[in-house]
Protein backbone atom coordinates (compact mmCIF):
# COMPACT_ATOMS: atom_id res chain seq x y z
CA MET A 1 108.08 -14.53 327.11
CA ILE A 2 104.45 -14.21 327.77
CA SER A 3 105.08 -11.03 329.16
CA TYR A 4 106.89 -9.43 326.45
CA ILE A 5 104.24 -10.65 324.02
CA ARG A 6 101.43 -9.20 326.31
CA GLY A 7 103.81 -5.94 327.08
CA TYR A 8 104.81 -4.83 330.69
CA TYR A 9 106.10 -1.77 331.95
CA ILE A 10 109.35 -1.20 334.36
CA ILE A 11 108.20 1.13 337.27
CA THR A 12 110.41 2.65 339.65
CA VAL A 13 108.72 4.14 343.10
CA GLU A 14 110.59 5.83 345.74
CA GLY A 15 109.21 7.15 349.14
CA ILE A 16 108.87 5.96 352.72
CA GLY A 17 106.80 2.35 353.69
CA LEU A 18 107.38 0.49 350.56
CA GLU A 19 106.44 -2.37 351.62
CA LYS A 20 103.13 -0.89 352.79
CA PHE A 21 102.53 0.11 348.80
CA LEU A 22 103.42 -3.11 347.55
CA ASN A 23 100.76 -4.77 349.84
CA HIS A 24 98.14 -2.37 349.05
CA LEU A 25 99.10 -3.30 345.35
CA ILE A 26 98.73 -7.04 345.99
CA ARG A 27 95.15 -6.71 347.40
CA ASN A 28 93.93 -4.94 344.65
CA ASN A 29 94.75 -7.95 342.44
CA ILE A 30 97.71 -6.28 340.95
CA ARG A 31 100.31 -8.60 339.71
CA ILE A 32 103.79 -7.30 340.42
CA TYR A 33 106.87 -9.28 339.47
CA ASN A 34 110.86 -8.81 339.37
CA VAL A 35 110.94 -6.41 342.29
CA ASN A 36 114.36 -4.85 343.03
CA ARG A 37 115.59 -2.73 345.71
CA THR A 38 117.45 -0.24 344.07
CA SER A 39 118.19 1.93 347.65
CA ASN A 40 116.50 1.97 350.98
CA THR A 41 113.78 4.51 349.58
CA LYS A 42 113.53 3.54 346.12
CA ILE A 43 112.51 -0.04 344.30
CA GLU A 44 111.75 -1.10 340.65
CA PHE A 45 109.37 -3.60 339.41
CA CYS A 46 107.39 -4.91 336.52
CA ILE A 47 103.79 -4.56 335.89
CA ASP A 48 101.65 -5.82 332.57
CA ARG A 49 100.10 -3.56 330.42
CA GLN A 50 96.60 -5.16 331.21
CA ASP A 51 97.02 -4.09 334.81
CA MET A 52 98.06 -0.38 334.38
CA LYS A 53 94.72 1.05 334.26
CA VAL A 54 94.17 -0.62 337.83
CA PHE A 55 97.54 0.56 338.97
CA LYS A 56 96.71 4.08 338.33
CA GLN A 57 93.82 3.96 340.57
CA ALA A 58 95.42 2.38 343.45
CA TYR A 59 98.20 4.79 343.77
CA ARG A 60 96.26 8.21 343.05
CA GLY A 61 96.47 10.34 345.95
CA SER A 62 99.78 8.39 347.39
CA ASN A 63 102.46 10.40 348.79
CA TYR A 64 104.83 8.41 346.53
CA ASP A 65 106.88 9.44 343.50
CA ILE A 66 106.10 6.87 340.93
CA LYS A 67 107.65 6.98 337.63
CA VAL A 68 107.61 4.83 334.41
CA LYS A 69 111.15 3.42 333.81
CA GLN A 70 110.76 1.51 330.24
CA LYS A 71 107.88 -0.05 328.20
CA THR A 72 108.96 -3.39 326.53
CA GLY A 73 106.92 -5.77 324.60
CA VAL A 74 105.36 -6.45 321.23
CA PRO A 75 102.18 -3.98 321.93
CA PHE A 76 104.72 -1.13 322.15
CA PHE A 77 107.08 -2.07 319.60
CA LEU A 78 104.02 -2.25 317.00
CA LYS A 79 102.83 1.13 318.16
CA ARG A 80 106.24 2.83 317.32
CA ILE A 81 106.27 0.89 314.07
CA TYR A 82 102.42 1.94 312.95
CA LYS A 83 103.75 6.00 313.94
CA LEU A 84 106.95 5.40 311.50
CA LYS A 85 104.94 5.57 308.56
CA GLY A 86 107.99 6.44 306.34
CA MET A 87 109.08 2.75 307.30
CA TRP A 88 106.43 1.35 305.73
CA ILE A 89 106.70 3.09 302.50
CA CYS A 90 110.55 2.09 302.68
CA ALA A 91 109.60 -1.42 303.24
CA PHE A 92 107.17 -1.37 299.93
CA ILE A 93 109.73 0.19 298.23
CA SER A 94 112.46 -2.39 299.08
CA LEU A 95 109.95 -5.12 298.29
CA PHE A 96 109.53 -3.67 294.96
CA LEU A 97 113.09 -3.39 294.17
CA LEU A 98 114.05 -6.97 295.54
CA MET A 99 111.72 -8.25 292.76
CA MET A 100 112.83 -5.96 290.42
CA THR A 101 116.46 -7.73 290.67
CA SER A 102 115.15 -10.74 289.93
CA MET A 103 115.52 -9.57 286.18
CA PHE A 104 119.19 -8.74 286.44
CA VAL A 105 122.30 -11.10 286.93
CA THR A 106 123.33 -11.97 290.34
CA ASP A 107 126.53 -14.46 289.82
CA VAL A 108 128.44 -15.62 287.05
CA TYR A 109 129.71 -19.07 287.51
CA ILE A 110 132.57 -20.10 285.13
CA GLN A 111 133.96 -23.86 284.55
CA VAL A 112 136.95 -24.18 282.65
CA PRO A 113 139.48 -26.85 281.90
CA GLU A 114 142.49 -27.26 282.58
CA GLY A 115 144.99 -25.01 280.37
CA ILE A 116 142.57 -22.20 280.25
CA LYS A 117 142.82 -19.12 282.72
CA LYS A 118 139.68 -18.60 284.24
CA GLU A 119 140.36 -14.74 284.95
CA GLU A 120 141.05 -14.07 281.60
CA VAL A 121 138.29 -15.73 280.39
CA ARG A 122 135.74 -13.84 283.01
CA LYS A 123 137.71 -10.42 282.23
CA GLU A 124 136.86 -10.77 278.56
CA LEU A 125 132.87 -11.85 279.49
CA TYR A 126 132.85 -8.50 281.81
CA ASN A 127 134.16 -6.47 278.48
CA VAL A 128 131.36 -8.32 276.37
CA GLY A 129 128.69 -7.52 278.66
CA LEU A 130 128.08 -10.65 280.60
CA LYS A 131 128.49 -9.48 284.29
CA PRO A 132 126.64 -8.92 287.63
CA GLY A 133 124.13 -6.28 287.42
CA VAL A 134 123.14 -6.80 283.45
CA TYR A 135 119.35 -7.24 282.31
CA LYS A 136 118.70 -10.86 281.49
CA LYS A 137 116.66 -10.62 278.44
CA ASN A 138 119.54 -8.04 276.76
CA ILE A 139 121.93 -11.52 277.07
CA ASP A 140 122.82 -12.12 273.11
CA ARG A 141 123.93 -15.85 274.03
CA LYS A 142 125.22 -16.03 269.96
CA GLU A 143 127.02 -13.25 269.95
CA ILE A 144 128.94 -13.84 273.15
CA ARG A 145 129.76 -17.15 272.22
CA ASP A 146 131.24 -16.40 268.45
CA HIS A 147 133.09 -13.29 270.05
CA MET A 148 135.20 -15.59 272.76
CA MET A 149 135.62 -18.08 270.31
CA LEU A 150 137.46 -15.69 267.99
CA LYS A 151 139.01 -14.56 271.01
CA PHE A 152 140.43 -17.36 272.54
CA ASP A 153 141.93 -19.82 269.78
CA ASP A 154 142.12 -22.78 272.03
CA ILE A 155 138.18 -22.78 272.74
CA ALA A 156 136.07 -24.93 270.88
CA TYR A 157 132.40 -24.05 272.43
CA ILE A 158 131.08 -22.15 275.10
CA SER A 159 127.52 -22.93 276.90
CA ILE A 160 125.51 -20.15 278.42
CA ASN A 161 122.79 -21.23 280.88
CA VAL A 162 120.73 -18.92 282.42
CA LYS A 163 119.21 -20.43 285.93
CA GLY A 164 116.96 -17.76 288.14
CA THR A 165 119.47 -14.75 288.54
CA ASN A 166 122.37 -16.88 288.05
CA ILE A 167 124.65 -17.42 284.79
CA PHE A 168 126.45 -20.89 284.44
CA VAL A 169 129.37 -20.52 281.95
CA THR A 170 131.00 -24.07 280.55
CA VAL A 171 133.90 -23.93 278.24
CA THR A 172 135.02 -26.92 276.55
CA LYS A 173 138.70 -27.03 275.01
CA LYS A 174 140.10 -27.86 271.60
CA ALA A 175 141.58 -31.48 271.31
CA GLU A 176 145.07 -30.79 271.65
CA THR A 177 146.84 -32.37 268.54
CA LEU A 178 150.74 -33.70 268.40
CA GLU A 179 153.30 -31.79 266.53
CA SER A 180 155.11 -34.26 264.79
CA LYS A 181 159.31 -33.17 264.56
CA GLU A 182 161.74 -34.84 262.67
CA GLN A 183 164.17 -36.81 264.45
CA SER A 184 167.45 -37.86 263.87
CA ASN A 185 168.48 -41.68 265.50
CA TYR A 186 172.30 -39.96 266.44
CA CYS A 187 172.72 -38.87 269.80
CA ASN A 188 175.36 -38.26 272.53
CA ILE A 189 174.48 -40.20 275.96
CA ILE A 190 174.41 -37.69 278.93
CA ALA A 191 174.39 -37.88 282.62
CA GLU A 192 170.69 -37.88 284.17
CA LYS A 193 172.39 -37.11 287.58
CA ASN A 194 175.41 -36.91 289.58
CA GLY A 195 177.15 -40.69 290.41
CA ILE A 196 180.36 -42.53 290.35
CA ILE A 197 180.53 -44.77 287.40
CA GLU A 198 180.12 -48.41 287.91
CA LYS A 199 180.01 -49.91 284.42
CA VAL A 200 179.43 -48.71 280.65
CA ILE A 201 177.61 -50.70 278.59
CA PRO A 202 178.53 -49.05 275.10
CA ARG A 203 176.10 -50.69 272.32
CA SER A 204 176.90 -47.95 270.12
CA GLY A 205 179.24 -44.83 270.14
CA ASN A 206 182.23 -43.81 271.90
CA GLN A 207 182.53 -44.58 275.44
CA ILE A 208 184.08 -40.97 277.08
CA ALA A 209 183.33 -41.93 281.01
CA ASP A 210 185.75 -44.39 282.50
CA VAL A 211 184.62 -46.88 285.72
CA GLY A 212 185.29 -44.84 288.96
CA LYS A 213 185.01 -41.30 287.31
CA ILE A 214 182.48 -38.90 289.23
CA VAL A 215 180.36 -37.42 286.71
CA GLN A 216 177.92 -34.02 287.35
CA LYS A 217 174.33 -34.49 286.09
CA GLY A 218 174.41 -33.47 282.08
CA GLU A 219 177.86 -34.42 281.53
CA VAL A 220 178.36 -36.27 278.07
CA LEU A 221 179.01 -40.03 278.90
CA VAL A 222 178.89 -41.63 275.32
CA SER A 223 179.03 -39.86 272.26
CA GLY A 224 177.27 -40.63 269.03
CA ALA A 225 175.40 -43.57 269.93
CA ASN A 226 172.33 -44.69 267.89
CA THR A 227 168.87 -44.50 269.65
CA LYS A 228 168.06 -47.91 268.32
CA SER A 229 171.14 -49.04 270.34
CA VAL A 230 171.45 -47.31 273.63
CA PRO A 231 174.29 -47.68 276.01
CA GLU A 232 173.63 -47.98 279.58
CA VAL A 233 175.74 -46.42 281.93
CA TRP A 234 175.55 -47.74 285.54
CA ALA A 235 176.66 -45.64 288.54
CA SER A 236 176.63 -45.23 292.35
CA THR A 237 174.10 -42.54 293.20
CA PHE A 238 173.36 -41.25 297.05
CA TYR A 239 169.59 -40.15 298.07
CA GLU A 240 169.46 -38.17 301.36
CA VAL A 241 166.43 -37.13 303.20
CA SER A 242 166.49 -35.38 306.07
CA LYS A 243 163.33 -34.86 308.69
CA SER A 244 163.37 -32.60 311.63
CA GLU A 245 161.21 -31.53 314.19
CA ASN A 246 161.10 -29.63 317.76
CA TYR A 247 160.87 -31.89 321.49
CA GLU A 248 158.21 -29.18 322.33
CA ASP A 249 155.38 -28.48 320.17
CA THR A 250 153.69 -25.22 320.38
CA ILE A 251 149.67 -25.60 319.52
CA LYS A 252 147.05 -22.82 319.75
CA GLU A 253 144.42 -23.57 321.97
CA LYS A 254 141.18 -21.56 322.06
CA THR A 255 140.17 -19.69 325.16
CA GLY A 256 136.57 -19.51 324.64
CA ASN A 257 136.45 -15.58 323.87
CA LYS A 258 135.11 -14.84 320.60
CA LYS A 259 133.94 -12.06 318.72
CA ARG A 260 131.58 -11.91 315.04
CA VAL A 261 132.21 -9.61 312.47
CA TYR A 262 129.36 -9.56 309.69
CA THR A 263 129.89 -8.33 306.17
CA ILE A 264 126.91 -7.48 303.73
CA ASN A 265 127.56 -7.72 299.96
CA PHE A 266 125.21 -6.36 297.52
CA TYR A 267 126.35 -6.76 294.37
CA ASP A 268 129.95 -5.46 293.97
CA LYS A 269 129.26 -3.29 297.42
CA LYS A 270 130.33 -4.13 300.56
CA TYR A 271 129.66 -3.16 304.19
CA THR A 272 131.20 -4.46 306.89
CA LEU A 273 130.10 -3.90 310.72
CA ARG A 274 133.33 -3.49 312.47
CA LYS A 275 134.41 -4.58 315.82
CA ASN A 276 137.48 -3.75 317.71
CA ILE A 277 139.32 -7.03 317.93
CA LYS A 278 141.79 -6.69 320.84
CA TYR A 279 142.88 -10.07 321.07
CA GLU A 280 146.96 -10.95 320.47
CA ASP A 281 146.46 -14.21 318.99
CA TYR A 282 143.28 -15.36 317.36
CA SER A 283 141.75 -17.65 314.73
CA VAL A 284 139.50 -16.97 311.94
CA GLU A 285 136.24 -18.70 310.76
CA ASN A 286 134.24 -17.73 307.80
CA LYS A 287 131.00 -18.60 307.10
CA ASP A 288 128.94 -17.39 303.80
CA TYR A 289 125.08 -17.13 303.72
CA LYS A 290 123.00 -16.69 300.68
CA ILE A 291 119.19 -15.97 300.66
CA SER A 292 117.76 -17.77 297.82
CA LEU A 293 114.11 -19.06 297.15
CA GLY A 294 114.30 -21.98 294.28
CA ASN A 295 116.44 -20.80 291.58
CA TYR A 296 116.18 -16.89 292.41
CA THR A 297 119.00 -15.86 294.52
CA PHE A 298 118.75 -12.50 296.27
CA PRO A 299 121.72 -10.13 295.78
CA VAL A 300 122.54 -10.19 299.32
CA LYS A 301 124.96 -11.92 300.78
CA ILE A 302 126.14 -12.08 304.42
CA LYS A 303 129.59 -13.26 305.64
CA VAL A 304 130.23 -13.93 309.37
CA SER A 305 133.51 -14.20 310.73
CA THR A 306 133.98 -15.34 314.18
CA PHE A 307 137.35 -14.47 316.22
CA HIS A 308 138.33 -16.71 318.62
CA GLU A 309 140.88 -15.91 320.93
CA THR A 310 143.75 -18.36 321.41
CA LYS A 311 146.83 -18.75 323.27
CA ASP A 312 149.94 -20.92 323.08
CA VAL A 313 150.59 -23.92 324.82
CA LYS A 314 153.64 -26.32 324.45
CA ILE A 315 153.45 -29.81 324.66
CA LYS A 316 156.71 -31.88 325.00
CA LYS A 317 157.41 -35.05 323.01
CA ASP A 318 158.71 -38.57 323.47
CA LYS A 319 162.36 -38.60 321.76
CA GLU A 320 161.94 -42.40 320.82
CA LYS A 321 158.55 -41.81 319.55
CA LEU A 322 159.65 -38.76 317.47
CA LYS A 323 162.49 -40.51 315.80
CA LYS A 324 160.19 -43.20 314.84
CA GLU A 325 157.95 -40.81 313.35
CA LEU A 326 161.03 -39.05 311.42
CA SER A 327 162.42 -42.24 310.46
CA GLU A 328 159.17 -43.23 308.57
CA GLN A 329 158.68 -39.94 306.95
CA ALA A 330 162.34 -40.01 305.48
CA LEU A 331 162.03 -43.42 304.43
CA LYS A 332 158.18 -42.74 302.92
CA GLU A 333 160.15 -39.67 301.00
CA LEU A 334 163.14 -42.25 300.01
CA GLU A 335 160.36 -44.39 298.37
CA TYR A 336 159.20 -41.44 296.60
CA ILE A 337 162.12 -39.95 294.85
CA ILE A 338 163.75 -43.06 294.48
CA PRO A 339 163.39 -44.73 290.80
CA ALA A 340 161.77 -47.98 290.40
CA SER A 341 164.44 -49.60 288.62
CA ALA A 342 167.41 -48.55 291.05
CA ARG A 343 168.53 -51.04 293.01
CA PHE A 344 169.69 -50.57 296.79
CA VAL A 345 173.42 -50.91 297.66
CA ASN A 346 173.34 -49.44 301.11
CA VAL A 347 171.28 -47.50 303.68
CA GLU A 348 172.36 -45.48 306.61
CA HIS A 349 170.23 -44.08 309.49
CA ASP A 350 171.65 -41.36 311.25
CA TYR A 351 170.38 -38.21 314.33
CA LYS A 352 171.46 -35.29 315.97
CA VAL A 353 170.17 -32.61 318.12
CA ASN A 354 170.76 -29.16 317.48
CA LYS A 355 171.12 -26.09 319.87
CA ASN A 356 167.61 -25.39 319.06
CA MET A 357 166.23 -28.30 320.70
CA MET A 358 165.45 -29.93 316.90
CA LEU A 359 165.70 -33.50 316.39
CA GLU A 360 167.03 -34.10 312.87
CA TYR A 361 166.78 -37.19 311.34
CA THR A 362 168.92 -38.23 308.06
CA ILE A 363 168.60 -41.34 305.97
CA THR A 364 171.36 -41.82 303.33
CA ALA A 365 170.73 -44.54 300.56
CA GLN A 366 173.39 -45.66 298.27
CA MET A 367 171.61 -47.17 294.74
CA SER A 368 173.18 -48.58 291.83
CA GLU A 369 171.10 -47.23 288.61
CA ASN A 370 171.22 -46.40 285.00
CA ILE A 371 171.78 -42.86 284.78
CA ALA A 372 172.05 -42.80 280.56
CA LYS A 373 169.87 -40.45 279.04
CA ILE A 374 169.38 -39.71 275.47
CA ASP A 375 170.40 -36.28 274.32
CA ASN A 376 168.89 -36.27 270.50
CA LEU A 377 171.27 -34.25 267.93
CA SER A 378 170.28 -32.23 264.83
CA LYS A 379 171.32 -33.53 261.36
CA ALA A 380 173.90 -30.67 261.22
CA GLU A 381 175.20 -31.55 264.84
CA ALA A 382 175.51 -35.42 263.76
CA GLU A 383 177.35 -34.27 260.46
CA GLN A 384 179.62 -32.11 262.30
CA LEU A 385 180.58 -34.99 264.66
CA ILE A 386 181.14 -37.48 261.99
CA ARG A 387 183.68 -34.95 260.31
CA GLU A 388 185.53 -35.07 263.54
CA GLU A 389 185.31 -38.62 263.76
CA ASN A 390 186.08 -39.73 260.35
CA THR A 391 189.29 -36.45 260.66
CA PRO A 392 192.40 -38.31 261.54
CA LYS A 393 194.65 -36.75 264.15
CA ASP A 394 198.26 -35.75 263.76
CA GLY A 395 200.50 -38.61 263.13
CA GLU A 396 197.36 -41.17 262.96
CA GLU A 397 195.46 -42.66 259.62
CA ALA A 398 191.61 -42.71 258.92
CA VAL A 399 190.08 -45.89 260.29
CA PRO A 400 188.22 -47.42 257.50
CA GLN A 401 184.51 -47.95 258.07
CA ASN A 402 182.35 -50.66 256.45
CA PRO A 403 179.16 -48.80 255.65
CA ASP A 404 177.29 -52.35 255.02
CA LYS A 405 176.89 -52.56 258.95
CA ARG A 406 175.67 -49.35 259.86
CA PRO A 407 171.72 -49.03 260.54
CA ILE A 408 169.78 -48.55 257.26
CA ASN A 409 168.45 -45.07 258.31
CA ASP A 410 171.86 -44.14 260.20
CA ILE A 411 172.79 -40.49 259.43
CA ARG A 412 176.10 -41.84 258.69
CA ASN A 413 174.57 -43.56 255.34
CA GLU A 414 173.34 -39.98 254.42
CA PHE A 415 175.89 -38.16 255.04
CA LYS A 416 178.22 -40.74 253.02
CA GLU A 417 175.79 -40.35 249.96
CA LYS A 418 176.04 -36.80 249.98
CA GLU A 419 179.84 -37.16 249.85
CA ASP A 420 179.53 -39.36 247.24
CA LYS A 421 177.16 -37.06 244.99
CA LYS A 422 179.63 -34.30 245.41
CA GLU A 423 182.53 -36.51 244.04
CA ASP A 424 180.69 -37.53 241.09
CA LYS A 425 179.85 -34.11 240.27
CA LYS A 426 183.48 -32.82 240.40
CA ASP A 427 184.04 -35.67 237.92
CA THR A 428 181.94 -34.77 235.26
């Protein structure tokens, strides 16, 4: 390291009696190191820059073929830079340009609440002029805020903060209001899921599904029920969860070989220093680096992608341990999908091994639960249903009903009142 700072030469000497020449240099207090014989009549060694004058005097008049192969070190590097005046000028211009970029926006960071699409907000901000590369003093926050609030109905306020070369935009969403809809208390009870009917508690309405019947999801179980007295329909339901995994697990193991690819981002431009990645299997690790000073962020970003060569390694698993793991996973999933109100009737465990050496573990749980689901009817649908119920079938008489026992707000009362008004008008 010290030799590199001072500077040194790499010298090649060709001739006969090279050992004699080296001894001559040592007697003249010339320090040589890294001596390497390249052939029978040729050697190579290093000598410090400060000993070069003494070395020239020592070999002058000799019969050896002496050449300077390479000049290495800080002094030679600085000398080459000094000669390249164009590079100094470019360095000053680059510094000036970097200072000028501090007056422009480098990045726009947007924070939006759930329900508002960030990409649409970003696209509209770019259209209105708030994007990387824009002059910071030309940003009119009030104009941008008014434009965005008119463009998006669900935005209540937009905060725009400038920190260094970065813009931070925070969107506040309007408070959601619940839409009130007029609901009827007349409904049908449908099956929430498949099952076998165990019992029906028809507190209101007409029972359609009988005990022992297999019903499908969405099938009507009780018609014409009242939401203030909802029936219950208990049925046997079945939940099945299967988990499978291979006896042999293949993992990716790093071999130790790796290559790096560098990508330089300058505003919206990307420059990639490519390398040939000849690995058949590999994994990639990406790291991003930013250059910043306080609140000022330089518009230069460096992305380092490290490609690690990998190979497939197979690991055999213990069968009993694998069954236990799959059983725990299946039970955990069952606990998640089974409703808390359901009651356990029976649980069966089963496993099998297929041709692909996959262990498949299955747990089947038989439950007893209320599968009744309310399907609200509109007033028109309710009136039509009442007409069908009140219309006697062939050979039957209409069943009289006591309106005093109906709920006060039952739609049947409303329907009855409409019929009475029609009859009064006819009489008049």
